[in-house]
Amino acid sequence: MNDKDIKIKTEIEGILKNNLSGVKLKTYFEDMPDKKIRRAIHILAAIYPDKEIISDNNFLFIPYMLSNKKMLSQQSFPDFIRSLNLINFNEHQKSILVNTIKENLQALCEICTFELDDLLIKIFPKSDLFKYFEALIENCSNAVLWHISNILRYEDFSNISDEALENLKDHILSISIGSQAR
């Protein structure tokens, strides 16, 4: 780590010790020069979260990050998503995350891979996730289709009928083939 990285790490660690770390982290990243954001997200992801359960005050930072276009465009953003998978969100927090992710799914799917899939599985009830996929399927990009396809392939949807699963997989395949032919 170079001196600039050590400074960023020390600043973030200091913020995380505060009871209102979510608000302070949000301000820290809002005020950060664009040229430092990629590295700061990478450093943050290595030490965040510092607890498995976070307060609602500290949680406020997460929807901010998931909906900020400047943050979403950073190459290191998947590191942040991966760190979120360590948190045990309460039901209220999951609800907020579900809505935030739905609003920013396209951007998230373009930058993230398996780490986003893991987060989706963690915060969505499986039947709701399946219904969401069904609703998305007609008007989504190849990046979104790819995530849906991977989740359907690797996750257990035993509460969904085999026929419904196969129909959705077939539909994704036909859309993917159709978009490749264009």
C-alpha atoms as a PDB file:
ATOM      1  CA  MET A   1       0.000   0.000   0.000  1.00  0.00           C
ATOM      2  CA  ASN A   2       1.283   3.414  -0.852  1.00  0.00           C
ATOM      3  CA  ASP A   3       0.966   6.457   1.410  1.00  0.00           C
ATOM      4  CA  LYS A   4      -2.217   7.673  -0.310  1.00  0.00           C
ATOM      5  CA  ASP A   5      -3.869   4.266   0.200  1.00  0.00           C
ATOM      6  CA  ILE A   6      -2.848   4.187   3.847  1.00  0.00           C
ATOM      7  CA  LYS A   7      -4.362   7.637   4.321  1.00  0.00           C
ATOM      8  CA  ILE A   8      -7.659   6.549   2.728  1.00  0.00           C
ATOM      9  CA  LYS A   9      -7.718   3.359   4.807  1.00  0.00           C
ATOM     10  CA  THR A  10      -7.064   5.278   8.030  1.00  0.00           C
ATOM     11  CA  GLU A  11      -9.810   7.802   7.207  1.00  0.00           C
ATOM     12  CA  ILE A  12     -12.350   5.054   6.425  1.00  0.00           C
ATOM     13  CA  GLU A  13     -11.436   3.090   9.564  1.00  0.00           C
ATOM     14  CA  GLY A  14     -11.934   6.259  11.609  1.00  0.00           C
ATOM     15  CA  ILE A  15     -15.364   6.806  10.057  1.00  0.00           C
ATOM     16  CA  LEU A  16     -16.394   3.191  10.711  1.00  0.00           C
ATOM     17  CA  LYS A  17     -15.755   3.673  14.432  1.00  0.00           C
ATOM     18  CA  ASN A  18     -18.456   6.372  14.529  1.00  0.00           C
ATOM     19  CA  ASN A  19     -22.095   5.607  15.385  1.00  0.00           C
ATOM     20  CA  LEU A  20     -23.239   7.504  12.298  1.00  0.00           C
ATOM     21  CA  SER A  21     -20.730   5.935   9.953  1.00  0.00           C
ATOM     22  CA  GLY A  22     -23.281   5.571   7.135  1.00  0.00           C
ATOM     23  CA  VAL A  23     -23.885   9.308   6.934  1.00  0.00           C
ATOM     24  CA  LYS A  24     -20.196  10.079   7.329  1.00  0.00           C
ATOM     25  CA  LEU A  25     -19.174   7.526   4.662  1.00  0.00           C
ATOM     26  CA  LYS A  26     -21.711   9.028   2.281  1.00  0.00           C
ATOM     27  CA  THR A  27     -20.287  12.510   2.859  1.00  0.00           C
ATOM     28  CA  TYR A  28     -16.736  11.173   2.553  1.00  0.00           C
ATOM     29  CA  PHE A  29     -17.440   9.626  -0.862  1.00  0.00           C
ATOM     30  CA  GLU A  30     -19.502  12.583  -2.083  1.00  0.00           C
ATOM     31  CA  ASP A  31     -16.629  14.952  -1.322  1.00  0.00           C
ATOM     32  CA  MET A  32     -13.934  12.694  -2.738  1.00  0.00           C
ATOM     33  CA  PRO A  33     -12.210  13.754  -5.978  1.00  0.00           C
ATOM     34  CA  ASP A  34     -13.223  11.528  -8.891  1.00  0.00           C
ATOM     35  CA  LYS A  35      -9.675  10.294  -9.441  1.00  0.00           C
ATOM     36  CA  LYS A  36      -9.579   8.705  -5.941  1.00  0.00           C
ATOM     37  CA  ILE A  37     -12.972   6.974  -5.928  1.00  0.00           C
ATOM     38  CA  ARG A  38     -11.967   3.721  -7.629  1.00  0.00           C
ATOM     39  CA  ARG A  39      -9.157   3.112  -5.161  1.00  0.00           C
ATOM     40  CA  ALA A  40     -11.230   4.219  -2.157  1.00  0.00           C
ATOM     41  CA  ILE A  41     -14.008   1.746  -3.036  1.00  0.00           C
ATOM     42  CA  HIS A  42     -11.449  -1.038  -3.280  1.00  0.00           C
ATOM     43  CA  ILE A  43      -9.961  -0.108   0.106  1.00  0.00           C
ATOM     44  CA  LEU A  44     -13.417   0.251   1.669  1.00  0.00           C
ATOM     45  CA  ALA A  45     -14.430  -3.209   0.454  1.00  0.00           C
ATOM     46  CA  ALA A  46     -11.422  -4.760   2.164  1.00  0.00           C
ATOM     47  CA  ILE A  47     -12.471  -3.461   5.595  1.00  0.00           C
ATOM     48  CA  TYR A  48     -16.243  -3.039   5.218  1.00  0.00           C
ATOM     49  CA  PRO A  49     -18.434  -4.123   6.815  1.00  0.00           C
ATOM     50  CA  ASP A  50     -16.873  -4.094  10.225  1.00  0.00           C
ATOM     51  CA  LYS A  51     -19.970  -5.804  11.700  1.00  0.00           C
ATOM     52  CA  GLU A  52     -22.319  -8.563  10.479  1.00  0.00           C
ATOM     53  CA  ILE A  53     -25.367  -6.598  11.606  1.00  0.00           C
ATOM     54  CA  ILE A  54     -25.504  -2.886  10.913  1.00  0.00           C
ATOM     55  CA  SER A  55     -27.823  -0.232  12.263  1.00  0.00           C
ATOM     56  CA  ASP A  56     -30.286   1.561  10.018  1.00  0.00           C
ATOM     57  CA  ASN A  57     -28.171   4.727  10.383  1.00  0.00           C
ATOM     58  CA  ASN A  58     -25.089   2.932   9.098  1.00  0.00           C
ATOM     59  CA  PHE A  59     -27.145   1.158   6.444  1.00  0.00           C
ATOM     60  CA  LEU A  60     -27.982   4.485   4.716  1.00  0.00           C
ATOM     61  CA  PHE A  61     -24.627   4.401   2.969  1.00  0.00           C
ATOM     62  CA  ILE A  62     -25.416   1.218   1.050  1.00  0.00           C
ATOM     63  CA  PRO A  63     -28.442   2.461  -0.963  1.00  0.00           C
ATOM     64  CA  TYR A  64     -26.452   5.618  -1.683  1.00  0.00           C
ATOM     65  CA  MET A  65     -23.637   3.565  -3.203  1.00  0.00           C
ATOM     66  CA  LEU A  66     -26.027   1.298  -5.124  1.00  0.00           C
ATOM     67  CA  SER A  67     -27.800   4.244  -6.720  1.00  0.00           C
ATOM     68  CA  ASN A  68     -24.925   6.639  -7.380  1.00  0.00           C
ATOM     69  CA  LYS A  69     -23.958   6.522 -11.048  1.00  0.00           C
ATOM     70  CA  LYS A  70     -20.432   7.750 -10.311  1.00  0.00           C
ATOM     71  CA  MET A  71     -19.874   4.898  -7.855  1.00  0.00           C
ATOM     72  CA  LEU A  72     -21.562   2.292 -10.071  1.00  0.00           C
ATOM     73  CA  SER A  73     -19.234   3.140 -12.940  1.00  0.00           C
ATOM     74  CA  GLN A  74     -16.090   2.324 -10.952  1.00  0.00           C
ATOM     75  CA  GLN A  75     -14.124  -0.770 -11.880  1.00  0.00           C
ATOM     76  CA  SER A  76     -13.756  -1.609  -8.176  1.00  0.00           C
ATOM     77  CA  PHE A  77     -17.514  -1.523  -7.482  1.00  0.00           C
ATOM     78  CA  PRO A  78     -17.903  -5.342  -7.579  1.00  0.00           C
ATOM     79  CA  ASP A  79     -15.543  -5.440  -4.580  1.00  0.00           C
ATOM     80  CA  PHE A  80     -18.059  -3.336  -2.649  1.00  0.00           C
ATOM     81  CA  ILE A  81     -20.944  -5.604  -3.690  1.00  0.00           C
ATOM     82  CA  ARG A  82     -18.935  -8.626  -2.549  1.00  0.00           C
ATOM     83  CA  SER A  83     -18.431  -7.010   0.875  1.00  0.00           C
ATOM     84  CA  LEU A  84     -22.197  -6.515   1.238  1.00  0.00           C
ATOM     85  CA  ASN A  85     -22.679 -10.263   1.130  1.00  0.00           C
ATOM     86  CA  LEU A  86     -21.112 -10.430   4.599  1.00  0.00           C
ATOM     87  CA  ILE A  87     -23.923  -8.401   6.189  1.00  0.00           C
ATOM     88  CA  ASN A  88     -27.005  -9.973   7.743  1.00  0.00           C
ATOM     89  CA  PHE A  89     -29.623  -7.433   6.699  1.00  0.00           C
ATOM     90  CA  ASN A  90     -32.883  -7.116   8.617  1.00  0.00           C
ATOM     91  CA  GLU A  91     -36.192  -7.279   6.724  1.00  0.00           C
ATOM     92  CA  HIS A  92     -36.554  -3.493   6.518  1.00  0.00           C
ATOM     93  CA  GLN A  93     -33.041  -3.144   5.108  1.00  0.00           C
ATOM     94  CA  LYS A  94     -33.684  -5.953   2.620  1.00  0.00           C
ATOM     95  CA  SER A  95     -36.824  -4.170   1.430  1.00  0.00           C
ATOM     96  CA  ILE A  96     -34.881  -0.964   0.795  1.00  0.00           C
ATOM     97  CA  LEU A  97     -32.119  -2.884  -0.967  1.00  0.00           C
ATOM     98  CA  VAL A  98     -34.590  -4.725  -3.188  1.00  0.00           C
ATOM     99  CA  ASN A  99     -36.126  -1.426  -4.319  1.00  0.00           C
ATOM    100  CA  THR A 100     -32.738   0.227  -4.824  1.00  0.00           C
ATOM    101  CA  ILE A 101     -31.420  -2.704  -6.821  1.00  0.00           C
ATOM    102  CA  LYS A 102     -34.551  -2.831  -8.970  1.00  0.00           C
ATOM    103  CA  GLU A 103     -34.067   0.847  -9.827  1.00  0.00           C
ATOM    104  CA  ASN A 104     -30.406   0.308 -10.745  1.00  0.00           C
ATOM    105  CA  LEU A 105     -30.363  -3.274 -11.975  1.00  0.00           C
ATOM    106  CA  GLN A 106     -29.135  -2.520 -15.478  1.00  0.00           C
ATOM    107  CA  ALA A 107     -26.078  -0.599 -14.256  1.00  0.00           C
ATOM    108  CA  LEU A 108     -25.362  -3.195 -11.571  1.00  0.00           C
ATOM    109  CA  CYS A 109     -25.588  -6.068 -14.058  1.00  0.00           C
ATOM    110  CA  GLU A 110     -23.184  -4.349 -16.427  1.00  0.00           C
ATOM    111  CA  ILE A 111     -20.438  -3.943 -13.818  1.00  0.00           C
ATOM    112  CA  CYS A 112     -20.916  -6.953 -11.510  1.00  0.00           C
ATOM    113  CA  THR A 113     -20.849 -10.709 -11.944  1.00  0.00           C
ATOM    114  CA  PHE A 114     -21.389 -13.445  -9.348  1.00  0.00           C
ATOM    115  CA  GLU A 115     -21.185 -11.028  -6.419  1.00  0.00           C
ATOM    116  CA  LEU A 116     -24.439  -9.382  -7.536  1.00  0.00           C
ATOM    117  CA  ASP A 117     -26.067 -12.778  -7.997  1.00  0.00           C
ATOM    118  CA  ASP A 118     -25.146 -13.681  -4.413  1.00  0.00           C
ATOM    119  CA  LEU A 119     -26.594 -10.410  -3.119  1.00  0.00           C
ATOM    120  CA  LEU A 120     -29.851 -10.912  -5.036  1.00  0.00           C
ATOM    121  CA  ILE A 121     -30.232 -14.401  -3.571  1.00  0.00           C
ATOM    122  CA  LYS A 122     -29.506 -13.037  -0.102  1.00  0.00           C
ATOM    123  CA  ILE A 123     -32.046 -10.194  -0.080  1.00  0.00           C
ATOM    124  CA  PHE A 124     -34.927 -11.466  -2.235  1.00  0.00           C
ATOM    125  CA  PRO A 125     -37.256 -14.232  -1.099  1.00  0.00           C
ATOM    126  CA  LYS A 126     -36.839 -16.875  -3.829  1.00  0.00           C
ATOM    127  CA  SER A 127     -40.443 -16.777  -5.021  1.00  0.00           C
ATOM    128  CA  ASP A 128     -40.323 -12.965  -5.277  1.00  0.00           C
ATOM    129  CA  LEU A 129     -37.026 -13.136  -7.159  1.00  0.00           C
ATOM    130  CA  PHE A 130     -38.506 -15.610  -9.617  1.00  0.00           C
ATOM    131  CA  LYS A 131     -41.574 -13.397 -10.172  1.00  0.00           C
ATOM    132  CA  TYR A 132     -39.299 -10.404 -10.663  1.00  0.00           C
ATOM    133  CA  PHE A 133     -37.309 -12.313 -13.271  1.00  0.00           C
ATOM    134  CA  GLU A 134     -40.506 -13.262 -15.083  1.00  0.00           C
ATOM    135  CA  ALA A 135     -41.583  -9.610 -15.155  1.00  0.00           C
ATOM    136  CA  LEU A 136     -38.167  -8.438 -16.384  1.00  0.00           C
ATOM    137  CA  ILE A 137     -37.598 -10.992 -19.075  1.00  0.00           C
ATOM    138  CA  GLU A 138     -39.219  -9.224 -22.038  1.00  0.00           C
ATOM    139  CA  ASN A 139     -37.518  -5.856 -21.749  1.00  0.00           C
ATOM    140  CA  CYS A 140     -34.110  -6.459 -20.275  1.00  0.00           C
ATOM    141  CA  SER A 141     -30.611  -6.278 -21.657  1.00  0.00           C
ATOM    142  CA  ASN A 142     -28.273  -9.169 -22.305  1.00  0.00           C
ATOM    143  CA  ALA A 143     -26.374  -8.283 -19.119  1.00  0.00           C
ATOM    144  CA  VAL A 144     -29.542  -8.709 -17.058  1.00  0.00           C
ATOM    145  CA  LEU A 145     -30.469 -11.908 -18.928  1.00  0.00           C
ATOM    146  CA  TRP A 146     -27.029 -13.312 -18.198  1.00  0.00           C
ATOM    147  CA  HIS A 147     -27.487 -12.742 -14.439  1.00  0.00           C
ATOM    148  CA  ILE A 148     -30.983 -14.212 -14.474  1.00  0.00           C
ATOM    149  CA  SER A 149     -29.765 -17.238 -16.376  1.00  0.00           C
ATOM    150  CA  ASN A 150     -26.860 -17.825 -13.965  1.00  0.00           C
ATOM    151  CA  ILE A 151     -29.054 -17.523 -10.907  1.00  0.00           C
ATOM    152  CA  LEU A 152     -31.603 -19.923 -12.359  1.00  0.00           C
ATOM    153  CA  ARG A 153     -28.836 -22.351 -13.255  1.00  0.00           C
ATOM    154  CA  TYR A 154     -27.051 -22.392  -9.909  1.00  0.00           C
ATOM    155  CA  GLU A 155     -29.675 -21.682  -7.261  1.00  0.00           C
ATOM    156  CA  ASP A 156     -32.287 -23.978  -5.801  1.00  0.00           C
ATOM    157  CA  PHE A 157     -35.779 -22.819  -6.710  1.00  0.00           C
ATOM    158  CA  SER A 158     -37.488 -25.883  -5.301  1.00  0.00           C
ATOM    159  CA  ASN A 159     -40.495 -23.776  -4.328  1.00  0.00           C
ATOM    160  CA  ILE A 160     -41.084 -23.045  -8.037  1.00  0.00           C
ATOM    161  CA  SER A 161     -42.524 -25.682 -10.339  1.00  0.00           C
ATOM    162  CA  ASP A 162     -40.119 -27.397 -12.722  1.00  0.00           C
ATOM    163  CA  GLU A 163     -42.352 -26.367 -15.609  1.00  0.00           C
ATOM    164  CA  ALA A 164     -42.203 -22.664 -14.670  1.00  0.00           C
ATOM    165  CA  LEU A 165     -38.420 -22.852 -14.324  1.00  0.00           C
ATOM    166  CA  GLU A 166     -37.985 -24.553 -17.692  1.00  0.00           C
ATOM    167  CA  ASN A 167     -40.343 -22.084 -19.377  1.00  0.00           C
ATOM    168  CA  LEU A 168     -38.334 -19.133 -18.055  1.00  0.00           C
ATOM    169  CA  LYS A 169     -35.013 -20.730 -19.037  1.00  0.00           C
ATOM    170  CA  ASP A 170     -36.346 -21.479 -22.531  1.00  0.00           C
ATOM    171  CA  HIS A 171     -37.626 -17.928 -22.849  1.00  0.00           C
ATOM    172  CA  ILE A 172     -34.216 -16.520 -21.887  1.00  0.00           C
ATOM    173  CA  LEU A 173     -32.545 -18.799 -24.416  1.00  0.00           C
ATOM    174  CA  SER A 174     -34.887 -17.710 -27.201  1.00  0.00           C
ATOM    175  CA  ILE A 175     -34.341 -14.023 -26.395  1.00  0.00           C
ATOM    176  CA  SER A 176     -30.565 -14.497 -26.251  1.00  0.00           C
ATOM    177  CA  ILE A 177     -30.529 -16.333 -29.572  1.00  0.00           C
ATOM    178  CA  GLY A 178     -32.786 -13.689 -31.108  1.00  0.00           C
ATOM    179  CA  SER A 179     -30.552 -10.821 -29.975  1.00  0.00           C
ATOM    180  CA  GLN A 180     -27.437 -12.583 -31.309  1.00  0.00           C
ATOM    181  CA  ALA A 181     -29.073 -13.028 -34.717  1.00  0.00           C
ATOM    182  CA  ARG A 182     -29.700  -9.274 -35.068  1.00  0.00           C
END
